[in-house]
Amino acid sequence: MKRLPDYLKRPIIDTDKTKTVRRILREKHLNTVCEGARCPNKNECYQNNTATFLIMGNICTRNCKYCNISTSKPEPLDIDEPKHVAEAIKDLGLDYAVITSVTRDDIPDGGAEHFANCIKEIRKISTNTKIEILTPDFRGKWGKDDKCSKGDEFNEQSLKTIIDAHPDVFNHNIETVRAVYKEARPLGNYDLSLNVLKYIKENSNIPTKSGLMIGLGETFEQILETMNDLKNVGCDILTIGQYIQPSKQHLEVSKYYSLKEYELLKEEAKKIGFKKYQIGPLVRSSYHAKEIMQ
């Protein structure tokens, strides 16, 4: 594994606030992407009394080569989870909540109704909380051979279910550039992800958001190509951050981008027409999500 640059290292923070967040999550039996994906910003977010909720379990049906979340056949959905998420958000006093999920290709709608139920439960008890959801692509079936199909179309009804629940922000990550997709996301589809964002934009007034990691073998020009692709499907909000290898079993980091290169990407994002973006080494999909919407 390549040596981590100093600007990517984060201190360990353990305070009464971080302990409170962990306690609430534990009592409600909830997962977070902060823990599951070994996010480098976890302690900072916990210190700020927030977390990104990971719904539908902690086992994914996909096998992305950069992700630390376990891959296997998942457990049935917890029907009480939406209520528990809502209760945790109320207990934490969040006025902006981010909810993501593992990919559930074993469920006919990909978990869209479960997302919608989370939104409904939150609004029952936290009426002023803004809700951002970070969803999978809602395609694929869990077959008899325990493998996900490789369809290139999303489940339109699933996206309609999401639109009807009207989250305040719809986030779906492109994750990486087209040239790296086959290696990094063998069960993903670059154009499908673009079409998911396009469908939401064309059929609702919900702001759309997407992000990618860099350092997986892409070129600077390919990053710009992806940024333009996202802008061309109406994506409103862009996030770009450095890929950090979770373990030796995951894809190696091909490059650590310099702080100067991140500044160049910010300039390019502005030129392309993005009015809202977070670009930097430690940026992740939900990092400072509330602030970027203000």
C-alpha atoms as a PDB file:
ATOM      1  CA  MET A   1       0.000   0.000   0.000  1.00  0.00           C
ATOM      2  CA  LYS A   2       1.263   3.477  -0.867  1.00  0.00           C
ATOM      3  CA  ARG A   3       2.219   5.722   2.030  1.00  0.00           C
ATOM      4  CA  LEU A   4      -0.604   8.042   3.029  1.00  0.00           C
ATOM      5  CA  PRO A   5       0.244  11.753   2.590  1.00  0.00           C
ATOM      6  CA  ASP A   6       0.044  13.834   5.765  1.00  0.00           C
ATOM      7  CA  TYR A   7      -2.886  15.870   4.431  1.00  0.00           C
ATOM      8  CA  LEU A   8      -5.000  12.697   4.359  1.00  0.00           C
ATOM      9  CA  LYS A   9      -4.342  11.724   7.973  1.00  0.00           C
ATOM     10  CA  ARG A  10      -7.026  12.517  10.526  1.00  0.00           C
ATOM     11  CA  PRO A  11      -6.675  12.561  14.332  1.00  0.00           C
ATOM     12  CA  ILE A  12      -8.630  10.159  16.529  1.00  0.00           C
ATOM     13  CA  ILE A  13     -11.330  12.066  18.394  1.00  0.00           C
ATOM     14  CA  ASP A  14     -13.120  10.518  21.348  1.00  0.00           C
ATOM     15  CA  THR A  15     -15.305  12.892  23.320  1.00  0.00           C
ATOM     16  CA  ASP A  16     -18.655  12.892  25.056  1.00  0.00           C
ATOM     17  CA  LYS A  17     -20.246  13.906  21.752  1.00  0.00           C
ATOM     18  CA  THR A  18     -18.756  11.036  19.746  1.00  0.00           C
ATOM     19  CA  LYS A  19     -19.727   8.603  22.495  1.00  0.00           C
ATOM     20  CA  THR A  20     -23.293   9.928  22.454  1.00  0.00           C
ATOM     21  CA  VAL A  21     -23.590   9.388  18.701  1.00  0.00           C
ATOM     22  CA  ARG A  22     -22.257   5.841  19.001  1.00  0.00           C
ATOM     23  CA  ARG A  23     -24.639   5.119  21.883  1.00  0.00           C
ATOM     24  CA  ILE A  24     -27.707   6.316  19.959  1.00  0.00           C
ATOM     25  CA  LEU A  25     -26.733   4.288  16.890  1.00  0.00           C
ATOM     26  CA  ARG A  26     -26.134   1.215  19.026  1.00  0.00           C
ATOM     27  CA  GLU A  27     -29.420   1.531  20.908  1.00  0.00           C
ATOM     28  CA  LYS A  28     -31.361   1.880  17.645  1.00  0.00           C
ATOM     29  CA  HIS A  29     -29.448  -1.019  16.022  1.00  0.00           C
ATOM     30  CA  LEU A  30     -28.397   1.170  13.107  1.00  0.00           C
ATOM     31  CA  ASN A  31     -25.494   0.960  10.679  1.00  0.00           C
ATOM     32  CA  THR A  32     -23.561   3.908   9.298  1.00  0.00           C
ATOM     33  CA  VAL A  33     -21.451   4.226   6.186  1.00  0.00           C
ATOM     34  CA  CYS A  34     -19.007   6.038   8.468  1.00  0.00           C
ATOM     35  CA  GLU A  35     -18.163   2.696  10.085  1.00  0.00           C
ATOM     36  CA  GLY A  36     -18.893   0.321   7.212  1.00  0.00           C
ATOM     37  CA  ALA A  37     -16.781   2.144   4.627  1.00  0.00           C
ATOM     38  CA  ARG A  38     -14.070   3.215   7.099  1.00  0.00           C
ATOM     39  CA  CYS A  39     -14.639   6.871   6.285  1.00  0.00           C
ATOM     40  CA  PRO A  40     -11.687   9.080   7.302  1.00  0.00           C
ATOM     41  CA  ASN A  41     -14.101  11.825   8.418  1.00  0.00           C
ATOM     42  CA  LYS A  42     -16.029   9.624  10.841  1.00  0.00           C
ATOM     43  CA  ASN A  43     -14.748  11.160  14.046  1.00  0.00           C
ATOM     44  CA  GLU A  44     -15.184  14.718  12.786  1.00  0.00           C
ATOM     45  CA  CYS A  45     -18.803  14.000  11.863  1.00  0.00           C
ATOM     46  CA  TYR A  46     -19.521  12.259  15.164  1.00  0.00           C
ATOM     47  CA  GLN A  47     -17.971  15.223  16.954  1.00  0.00           C
ATOM     48  CA  ASN A  48     -20.453  17.426  15.078  1.00  0.00           C
ATOM     49  CA  ASN A  49     -23.283  15.191  16.283  1.00  0.00           C
ATOM     50  CA  THR A  50     -24.061  13.671  12.894  1.00  0.00           C
ATOM     51  CA  ALA A  51     -23.612  10.482  10.883  1.00  0.00           C
ATOM     52  CA  THR A  52     -24.603   9.040   7.516  1.00  0.00           C
ATOM     53  CA  PHE A  53     -27.133   6.277   8.017  1.00  0.00           C
ATOM     54  CA  LEU A  54     -26.608   3.008   6.125  1.00  0.00           C
ATOM     55  CA  ILE A  55     -29.944   1.276   5.676  1.00  0.00           C
ATOM     56  CA  MET A  56     -30.979  -2.212   4.514  1.00  0.00           C
ATOM     57  CA  GLY A  57     -28.211  -3.958   6.429  1.00  0.00           C
ATOM     58  CA  ASN A  58     -24.433  -3.958   6.160  1.00  0.00           C
ATOM     59  CA  ILE A  59     -24.005  -6.616   3.460  1.00  0.00           C
ATOM     60  CA  CYS A  60     -23.973  -5.588  -0.206  1.00  0.00           C
ATOM     61  CA  THR A  61     -24.947  -7.655  -3.255  1.00  0.00           C
ATOM     62  CA  ARG A  62     -22.271  -5.990  -5.408  1.00  0.00           C
ATOM     63  CA  ASN A  63     -18.500  -6.467  -5.299  1.00  0.00           C
ATOM     64  CA  CYS A  64     -16.962  -3.083  -6.011  1.00  0.00           C
ATOM     65  CA  LYS A  65     -13.199  -3.423  -5.710  1.00  0.00           C
ATOM     66  CA  TYR A  66     -12.672  -0.220  -3.730  1.00  0.00           C
ATOM     67  CA  CYS A  67     -15.383  -0.632  -1.089  1.00  0.00           C
ATOM     68  CA  ASN A  68     -14.883  -1.959   2.438  1.00  0.00           C
ATOM     69  CA  ILE A  69     -18.498  -3.092   2.912  1.00  0.00           C
ATOM     70  CA  SER A  70     -18.919  -6.884   2.970  1.00  0.00           C
ATOM     71  CA  THR A  71     -20.306  -8.685  -0.075  1.00  0.00           C
ATOM     72  CA  SER A  72     -22.604 -11.674   0.314  1.00  0.00           C
ATOM     73  CA  LYS A  73     -26.280 -12.612   0.332  1.00  0.00           C
ATOM     74  CA  PRO A  74     -27.932 -10.180   2.753  1.00  0.00           C
ATOM     75  CA  GLU A  75     -30.490 -10.660   5.493  1.00  0.00           C
ATOM     76  CA  PRO A  76     -34.183  -9.723   5.046  1.00  0.00           C
ATOM     77  CA  LEU A  77     -35.076  -6.061   5.508  1.00  0.00           C
ATOM     78  CA  ASP A  78     -35.771  -4.833   9.034  1.00  0.00           C
ATOM     79  CA  ILE A  79     -39.264  -3.336   8.796  1.00  0.00           C
ATOM     80  CA  ASP A  80     -38.631  -1.312  11.957  1.00  0.00           C
ATOM     81  CA  GLU A  81     -35.504   0.334  10.566  1.00  0.00           C
ATOM     82  CA  PRO A  82     -37.246   3.413   9.057  1.00  0.00           C
ATOM     83  CA  LYS A  83     -38.769   4.207  12.451  1.00  0.00           C
ATOM     84  CA  HIS A  84     -35.431   3.690  14.205  1.00  0.00           C
ATOM     85  CA  VAL A  85     -33.658   5.973  11.721  1.00  0.00           C
ATOM     86  CA  ALA A  86     -36.273   8.668  12.350  1.00  0.00           C
ATOM     87  CA  GLU A  87     -35.910   8.286  16.129  1.00  0.00           C
ATOM     88  CA  ALA A  88     -32.111   8.543  15.913  1.00  0.00           C
ATOM     89  CA  ILE A  89     -32.370  11.699  13.814  1.00  0.00           C
ATOM     90  CA  LYS A  90     -34.708  13.230  16.385  1.00  0.00           C
ATOM     91  CA  ASP A  91     -32.448  12.183  19.284  1.00  0.00           C
ATOM     92  CA  LEU A  92     -29.427  13.682  17.532  1.00  0.00           C
ATOM     93  CA  GLY A  93     -31.341  16.875  16.757  1.00  0.00           C
ATOM     94  CA  LEU A  94     -30.407  16.780  13.080  1.00  0.00           C
ATOM     95  CA  ASP A  95     -31.849  19.423  10.793  1.00  0.00           C
ATOM     96  CA  TYR A  96     -30.110  17.782   7.813  1.00  0.00           C
ATOM     97  CA  ALA A  97     -29.846  14.005   7.471  1.00  0.00           C
ATOM     98  CA  VAL A  98     -28.113  11.834   4.877  1.00  0.00           C
ATOM     99  CA  ILE A  99     -29.347   8.294   4.280  1.00  0.00           C
ATOM    100  CA  THR A 100     -27.552   5.807   2.055  1.00  0.00           C
ATOM    101  CA  SER A 101     -27.717   2.057   1.624  1.00  0.00           C
ATOM    102  CA  VAL A 102     -25.979  -1.049   0.501  1.00  0.00           C
ATOM    103  CA  THR A 103     -27.082  -2.265  -2.926  1.00  0.00           C
ATOM    104  CA  ARG A 104     -29.911  -4.793  -2.625  1.00  0.00           C
ATOM    105  CA  ASP A 105     -30.255  -6.542  -5.976  1.00  0.00           C
ATOM    106  CA  ASP A 106     -32.143  -9.324  -4.172  1.00  0.00           C
ATOM    107  CA  ILE A 107     -35.179  -7.059  -3.656  1.00  0.00           C
ATOM    108  CA  PRO A 108     -37.448  -6.466  -6.683  1.00  0.00           C
ATOM    109  CA  ASP A 109     -37.520  -2.674  -6.220  1.00  0.00           C
ATOM    110  CA  GLY A 110     -33.908  -2.475  -5.007  1.00  0.00           C
ATOM    111  CA  GLY A 111     -35.115  -1.076  -1.690  1.00  0.00           C
ATOM    112  CA  ALA A 112     -36.841   2.022  -3.074  1.00  0.00           C
ATOM    113  CA  GLU A 113     -39.887   1.561  -0.857  1.00  0.00           C
ATOM    114  CA  HIS A 114     -37.620   1.195   2.163  1.00  0.00           C
ATOM    115  CA  PHE A 115     -35.977   4.537   1.328  1.00  0.00           C
ATOM    116  CA  ALA A 116     -39.441   6.072   0.951  1.00  0.00           C
ATOM    117  CA  ASN A 117     -40.527   4.660   4.315  1.00  0.00           C
ATOM    118  CA  CYS A 118     -37.473   6.209   5.973  1.00  0.00           C
ATOM    119  CA  ILE A 119     -38.360   9.597   4.514  1.00  0.00           C
ATOM    120  CA  LYS A 120     -41.987   9.265   5.665  1.00  0.00           C
ATOM    121  CA  GLU A 121     -41.021   8.259   9.201  1.00  0.00           C
ATOM    122  CA  ILE A 122     -38.517  11.117   9.527  1.00  0.00           C
ATOM    123  CA  ARG A 123     -41.110  13.663   8.454  1.00  0.00           C
ATOM    124  CA  LYS A 124     -43.594  12.347  10.990  1.00  0.00           C
ATOM    125  CA  ILE A 125     -41.414  13.351  13.940  1.00  0.00           C
ATOM    126  CA  SER A 126     -38.812  15.794  12.533  1.00  0.00           C
ATOM    127  CA  THR A 127     -40.796  18.011  10.199  1.00  0.00           C
ATOM    128  CA  ASN A 128     -38.006  20.560   9.719  1.00  0.00           C
ATOM    129  CA  THR A 129     -35.264  18.051   8.874  1.00  0.00           C
ATOM    130  CA  LYS A 130     -33.941  18.199   5.311  1.00  0.00           C
ATOM    131  CA  ILE A 131     -33.346  14.730   3.869  1.00  0.00           C
ATOM    132  CA  GLU A 132     -30.654  13.755   1.374  1.00  0.00           C
ATOM    133  CA  ILE A 133     -30.657  10.208   0.062  1.00  0.00           C
ATOM    134  CA  LEU A 134     -27.713   8.475  -1.626  1.00  0.00           C
ATOM    135  CA  THR A 135     -29.118   5.540  -3.570  1.00  0.00           C
ATOM    136  CA  PRO A 136     -27.928   2.586  -5.635  1.00  0.00           C
ATOM    137  CA  ASP A 137     -28.915   2.354  -9.308  1.00  0.00           C
ATOM    138  CA  PHE A 138     -32.040   0.221  -8.682  1.00  0.00           C
ATOM    139  CA  ARG A 139     -31.329  -2.434 -11.254  1.00  0.00           C
ATOM    140  CA  GLY A 140     -30.408  -6.094 -11.238  1.00  0.00           C
ATOM    141  CA  LYS A 141     -31.957  -9.268  -9.917  1.00  0.00           C
ATOM    142  CA  TRP A 142     -30.553 -11.748  -7.425  1.00  0.00           C
ATOM    143  CA  GLY A 143     -30.491 -15.001  -9.418  1.00  0.00           C
ATOM    144  CA  LYS A 144     -30.530 -18.654  -8.489  1.00  0.00           C
ATOM    145  CA  ASP A 145     -26.769 -18.775  -8.884  1.00  0.00           C
ATOM    146  CA  ASP A 146     -26.415 -16.013  -6.255  1.00  0.00           C
ATOM    147  CA  LYS A 147     -25.104 -13.572  -8.835  1.00  0.00           C
ATOM    148  CA  CYS A 148     -26.469 -10.212  -9.862  1.00  0.00           C
ATOM    149  CA  SER A 149     -27.693  -9.860 -13.426  1.00  0.00           C
ATOM    150  CA  LYS A 150     -25.933  -7.325 -15.620  1.00  0.00           C
ATOM    151  CA  GLY A 151     -28.884  -5.401 -16.988  1.00  0.00           C
ATOM    152  CA  ASP A 152     -28.363  -1.914 -18.347  1.00  0.00           C
ATOM    153  CA  GLU A 153     -31.739  -0.442 -17.387  1.00  0.00           C
ATOM    154  CA  PHE A 154     -32.953   0.910 -14.072  1.00  0.00           C
ATOM    155  CA  ASN A 155     -36.274  -0.003 -12.488  1.00  0.00           C
ATOM    156  CA  GLU A 156     -38.409   2.990 -13.475  1.00  0.00           C
ATOM    157  CA  GLN A 157     -41.015   2.243 -10.815  1.00  0.00           C
ATOM    158  CA  SER A 158     -38.306   2.384  -8.153  1.00  0.00           C
ATOM    159  CA  LEU A 159     -37.306   5.872  -9.217  1.00  0.00           C
ATOM    160  CA  LYS A 160     -40.970   6.908  -9.283  1.00  0.00           C
ATOM    161  CA  THR A 161     -41.277   5.664  -5.704  1.00  0.00           C
ATOM    162  CA  ILE A 162     -38.308   7.828  -4.736  1.00  0.00           C
ATOM    163  CA  ILE A 163     -39.724  10.876  -6.530  1.00  0.00           C
ATOM    164  CA  ASP A 164     -43.100  10.443  -4.837  1.00  0.00           C
ATOM    165  CA  ALA A 165     -41.382  10.447  -1.424  1.00  0.00           C
ATOM    166  CA  HIS A 166     -39.701  13.733  -2.460  1.00  0.00           C
ATOM    167  CA  PRO A 167     -36.358  13.800  -0.665  1.00  0.00           C
ATOM    168  CA  ASP A 168     -34.758  17.232  -0.503  1.00  0.00           C
ATOM    169  CA  VAL A 169     -31.682  16.008  -2.419  1.00  0.00           C
ATOM    170  CA  PHE A 170     -31.227  12.910  -4.604  1.00  0.00           C
ATOM    171  CA  ASN A 171     -27.649  11.639  -4.677  1.00  0.00           C
ATOM    172  CA  HIS A 172     -26.374   8.797  -6.833  1.00  0.00           C
ATOM    173  CA  ASN A 173     -22.635   8.442  -7.230  1.00  0.00           C
ATOM    174  CA  ILE A 174     -20.988   7.867 -10.599  1.00  0.00           C
ATOM    175  CA  GLU A 175     -18.032   6.652  -8.439  1.00  0.00           C
ATOM    176  CA  THR A 176     -15.264   6.697 -11.070  1.00  0.00           C
ATOM    177  CA  VAL A 177     -14.491   7.507 -14.708  1.00  0.00           C
ATOM    178  CA  ARG A 178     -15.747   5.391 -17.613  1.00  0.00           C
ATOM    179  CA  ALA A 179     -12.294   3.916 -18.387  1.00  0.00           C
ATOM    180  CA  VAL A 180     -11.909   2.477 -14.879  1.00  0.00           C
ATOM    181  CA  TYR A 181     -15.477   1.248 -14.409  1.00  0.00           C
ATOM    182  CA  LYS A 182     -15.068  -2.358 -15.536  1.00  0.00           C
ATOM    183  CA  GLU A 183     -12.223  -2.969 -13.112  1.00  0.00           C
ATOM    184  CA  ALA A 184     -13.509  -0.953 -10.155  1.00  0.00           C
ATOM    185  CA  ARG A 185     -17.247  -1.678 -10.479  1.00  0.00           C
ATOM    186  CA  PRO A 186     -17.694  -5.006 -12.339  1.00  0.00           C
ATOM    187  CA  LEU A 187     -21.444  -5.028 -11.564  1.00  0.00           C
ATOM    188  CA  GLY A 188     -21.919  -1.316 -12.176  1.00  0.00           C
ATOM    189  CA  ASN A 189     -22.708   0.535 -15.383  1.00  0.00           C
ATOM    190  CA  TYR A 190     -21.437   4.050 -16.084  1.00  0.00           C
ATOM    191  CA  ASP A 191     -24.199   5.011 -18.524  1.00  0.00           C
ATOM    192  CA  LEU A 192     -26.883   3.521 -16.298  1.00  0.00           C
ATOM    193  CA  SER A 193     -25.788   5.748 -13.425  1.00  0.00           C
ATOM    194  CA  LEU A 194     -25.917   8.783 -15.700  1.00  0.00           C
ATOM    195  CA  ASN A 195     -29.413   7.781 -16.813  1.00  0.00           C
ATOM    196  CA  VAL A 196     -30.602   7.450 -13.209  1.00  0.00           C
ATOM    197  CA  LEU A 197     -29.556  11.044 -12.542  1.00  0.00           C
ATOM    198  CA  LYS A 198     -31.081  12.169 -15.837  1.00  0.00           C
ATOM    199  CA  TYR A 199     -34.427  10.513 -15.045  1.00  0.00           C
ATOM    200  CA  ILE A 200     -34.698  12.192 -11.642  1.00  0.00           C
ATOM    201  CA  LYS A 201     -33.819  15.558 -13.159  1.00  0.00           C
ATOM    202  CA  GLU A 202     -36.312  15.239 -16.018  1.00  0.00           C
ATOM    203  CA  ASN A 203     -39.179  13.957 -13.881  1.00  0.00           C
ATOM    204  CA  SER A 204     -38.933  16.011 -10.700  1.00  0.00           C
ATOM    205  CA  ASN A 205     -37.694  19.262  -9.228  1.00  0.00           C
ATOM    206  CA  ILE A 206     -35.423  17.442  -6.753  1.00  0.00           C
ATOM    207  CA  PRO A 207     -31.801  18.667  -6.802  1.00  0.00           C
ATOM    208  CA  THR A 208     -29.430  15.932  -8.021  1.00  0.00           C
ATOM    209  CA  LYS A 209     -25.973  15.191  -6.730  1.00  0.00           C
ATOM    210  CA  SER A 210     -23.169  12.827  -7.698  1.00  0.00           C
ATOM    211  CA  GLY A 211     -19.563  12.156  -6.827  1.00  0.00           C
ATOM    212  CA  LEU A 212     -16.468  10.262  -7.763  1.00  0.00           C
ATOM    213  CA  MET A 213     -13.230   9.077  -6.234  1.00  0.00           C
ATOM    214  CA  ILE A 214      -9.932   9.788  -7.924  1.00  0.00           C
ATOM    215  CA  GLY A 215      -6.694   7.869  -7.675  1.00  0.00           C
ATOM    216  CA  LEU A 216      -7.946   4.657  -9.288  1.00  0.00           C
ATOM    217  CA  GLY A 217      -5.922   4.947 -12.482  1.00  0.00           C
ATOM    218  CA  GLU A 218      -7.811   7.664 -14.321  1.00  0.00           C
ATOM    219  CA  THR A 219      -6.247  10.609 -16.153  1.00  0.00           C
ATOM    220  CA  PHE A 220      -6.970  14.257 -15.418  1.00  0.00           C
ATOM    221  CA  GLU A 221      -8.709  14.515 -18.789  1.00  0.00           C
ATOM    222  CA  GLN A 222     -10.958  11.564 -17.910  1.00  0.00           C
ATOM    223  CA  ILE A 223     -11.990  13.290 -14.692  1.00  0.00           C
ATOM    224  CA  LEU A 224     -13.001  16.342 -16.737  1.00  0.00           C
ATOM    225  CA  GLU A 225     -14.915  14.087 -19.143  1.00  0.00           C
ATOM    226  CA  THR A 226     -16.877  12.620 -16.235  1.00  0.00           C
ATOM    227  CA  MET A 227     -17.590  16.062 -14.822  1.00  0.00           C
ATOM    228  CA  ASN A 228     -18.980  17.105 -18.201  1.00  0.00           C
ATOM    229  CA  ASP A 229     -21.038  13.918 -18.461  1.00  0.00           C
ATOM    230  CA  LEU A 230     -22.617  14.672 -15.090  1.00  0.00           C
ATOM    231  CA  LYS A 231     -23.326  18.266 -16.039  1.00  0.00           C
ATOM    232  CA  ASN A 232     -24.909  17.134 -19.310  1.00  0.00           C
ATOM    233  CA  VAL A 233     -27.516  15.069 -17.423  1.00  0.00           C
ATOM    234  CA  GLY A 234     -28.386  18.053 -15.259  1.00  0.00           C
ATOM    235  CA  CYS A 235     -26.467  17.104 -12.120  1.00  0.00           C
ATOM    236  CA  ASP A 236     -26.610  20.058  -9.734  1.00  0.00           C
ATOM    237  CA  ILE A 237     -24.033  19.147  -7.087  1.00  0.00           C
ATOM    238  CA  LEU A 238     -20.598  17.536  -7.532  1.00  0.00           C
ATOM    239  CA  THR A 239     -18.250  15.899  -5.033  1.00  0.00           C
ATOM    240  CA  ILE A 240     -14.714  14.659  -5.756  1.00  0.00           C
ATOM    241  CA  GLY A 241     -12.348  13.110  -3.233  1.00  0.00           C
ATOM    242  CA  GLN A 242      -9.241  10.957  -2.980  1.00  0.00           C
ATOM    243  CA  TYR A 243      -9.576   7.172  -3.035  1.00  0.00           C
ATOM    244  CA  ILE A 244      -7.910   5.599   0.011  1.00  0.00           C
ATOM    245  CA  GLN A 245      -7.276   1.854  -0.115  1.00  0.00           C
ATOM    246  CA  PRO A 246      -9.211   0.185   2.757  1.00  0.00           C
ATOM    247  CA  SER A 247      -7.010  -2.947   2.805  1.00  0.00           C
ATOM    248  CA  LYS A 248      -4.492  -4.902   0.753  1.00  0.00           C
ATOM    249  CA  GLN A 249      -7.382  -6.879  -0.728  1.00  0.00           C
ATOM    250  CA  HIS A 250      -8.802  -3.776  -2.420  1.00  0.00           C
ATOM    251  CA  LEU A 251      -7.640  -1.875  -5.487  1.00  0.00           C
ATOM    252  CA  GLU A 252      -4.339  -0.098  -4.993  1.00  0.00           C
ATOM    253  CA  VAL A 253      -4.125   3.674  -5.081  1.00  0.00           C
ATOM    254  CA  SER A 254      -2.592   4.659  -8.409  1.00  0.00           C
ATOM    255  CA  LYS A 255      -1.986   8.265  -7.384  1.00  0.00           C
ATOM    256  CA  TYR A 256      -2.433  10.687  -4.520  1.00  0.00           C
ATOM    257  CA  TYR A 257      -3.484  13.974  -6.067  1.00  0.00           C
ATOM    258  CA  SER A 258      -1.800  17.104  -4.805  1.00  0.00           C
ATOM    259  CA  LEU A 259      -3.613  19.973  -3.127  1.00  0.00           C
ATOM    260  CA  LYS A 260      -2.787  22.091  -6.168  1.00  0.00           C
ATOM    261  CA  GLU A 261      -4.498  19.569  -8.456  1.00  0.00           C
ATOM    262  CA  TYR A 262      -7.632  19.719  -6.317  1.00  0.00           C
ATOM    263  CA  GLU A 263      -7.651  23.483  -6.723  1.00  0.00           C
ATOM    264  CA  LEU A 264      -7.410  23.005 -10.493  1.00  0.00           C
ATOM    265  CA  LEU A 265     -10.404  20.660 -10.377  1.00  0.00           C
ATOM    266  CA  LYS A 266     -12.376  23.287  -8.478  1.00  0.00           C
ATOM    267  CA  GLU A 267     -11.603  25.789 -11.233  1.00  0.00           C
ATOM    268  CA  GLU A 268     -12.697  23.287 -13.874  1.00  0.00           C
ATOM    269  CA  ALA A 269     -15.939  22.525 -12.024  1.00  0.00           C
ATOM    270  CA  LYS A 270     -16.747  26.219 -12.006  1.00  0.00           C
ATOM    271  CA  LYS A 271     -15.941  26.530 -15.724  1.00  0.00           C
ATOM    272  CA  ILE A 272     -18.170  23.561 -16.559  1.00  0.00           C
ATOM    273  CA  GLY A 273     -21.024  25.265 -14.738  1.00  0.00           C
ATOM    274  CA  PHE A 274     -21.346  23.598 -11.351  1.00  0.00           C
ATOM    275  CA  LYS A 275     -22.585  26.137  -8.823  1.00  0.00           C
ATOM    276  CA  LYS A 276     -22.353  23.735  -5.876  1.00  0.00           C
ATOM    277  CA  TYR A 277     -19.392  21.407  -5.396  1.00  0.00           C
ATOM    278  CA  GLN A 278     -17.087  19.951  -2.776  1.00  0.00           C
ATOM    279  CA  ILE A 279     -13.667  18.970  -4.110  1.00  0.00           C
ATOM    280  CA  GLY A 280     -10.729  17.997  -1.920  1.00  0.00           C
ATOM    281  CA  PRO A 281      -8.660  15.060  -0.648  1.00  0.00           C
ATOM    282  CA  LEU A 282     -11.017  14.085   2.179  1.00  0.00           C
ATOM    283  CA  VAL A 283     -14.300  14.924   0.466  1.00  0.00           C
ATOM    284  CA  ARG A 284     -16.865  12.139   0.527  1.00  0.00           C
ATOM    285  CA  SER A 285     -20.464  12.047  -0.740  1.00  0.00           C
ATOM    286  CA  SER A 286     -22.037  13.258   2.478  1.00  0.00           C
ATOM    287  CA  TYR A 287     -19.133  15.356   3.787  1.00  0.00           C
ATOM    288  CA  HIS A 288     -20.471  18.801   4.772  1.00  0.00           C
ATOM    289  CA  ALA A 289     -23.682  17.911   2.913  1.00  0.00           C
ATOM    290  CA  LYS A 290     -25.687  20.469   4.869  1.00  0.00           C
ATOM    291  CA  GLU A 291     -23.201  23.274   4.251  1.00  0.00           C
ATOM    292  CA  ILE A 292     -23.088  22.737   0.495  1.00  0.00           C
ATOM    293  CA  MET A 293     -26.863  23.246   0.302  1.00  0.00           C
ATOM    294  CA  GLN A 294     -26.857  26.536   2.189  1.00  0.00           C
END
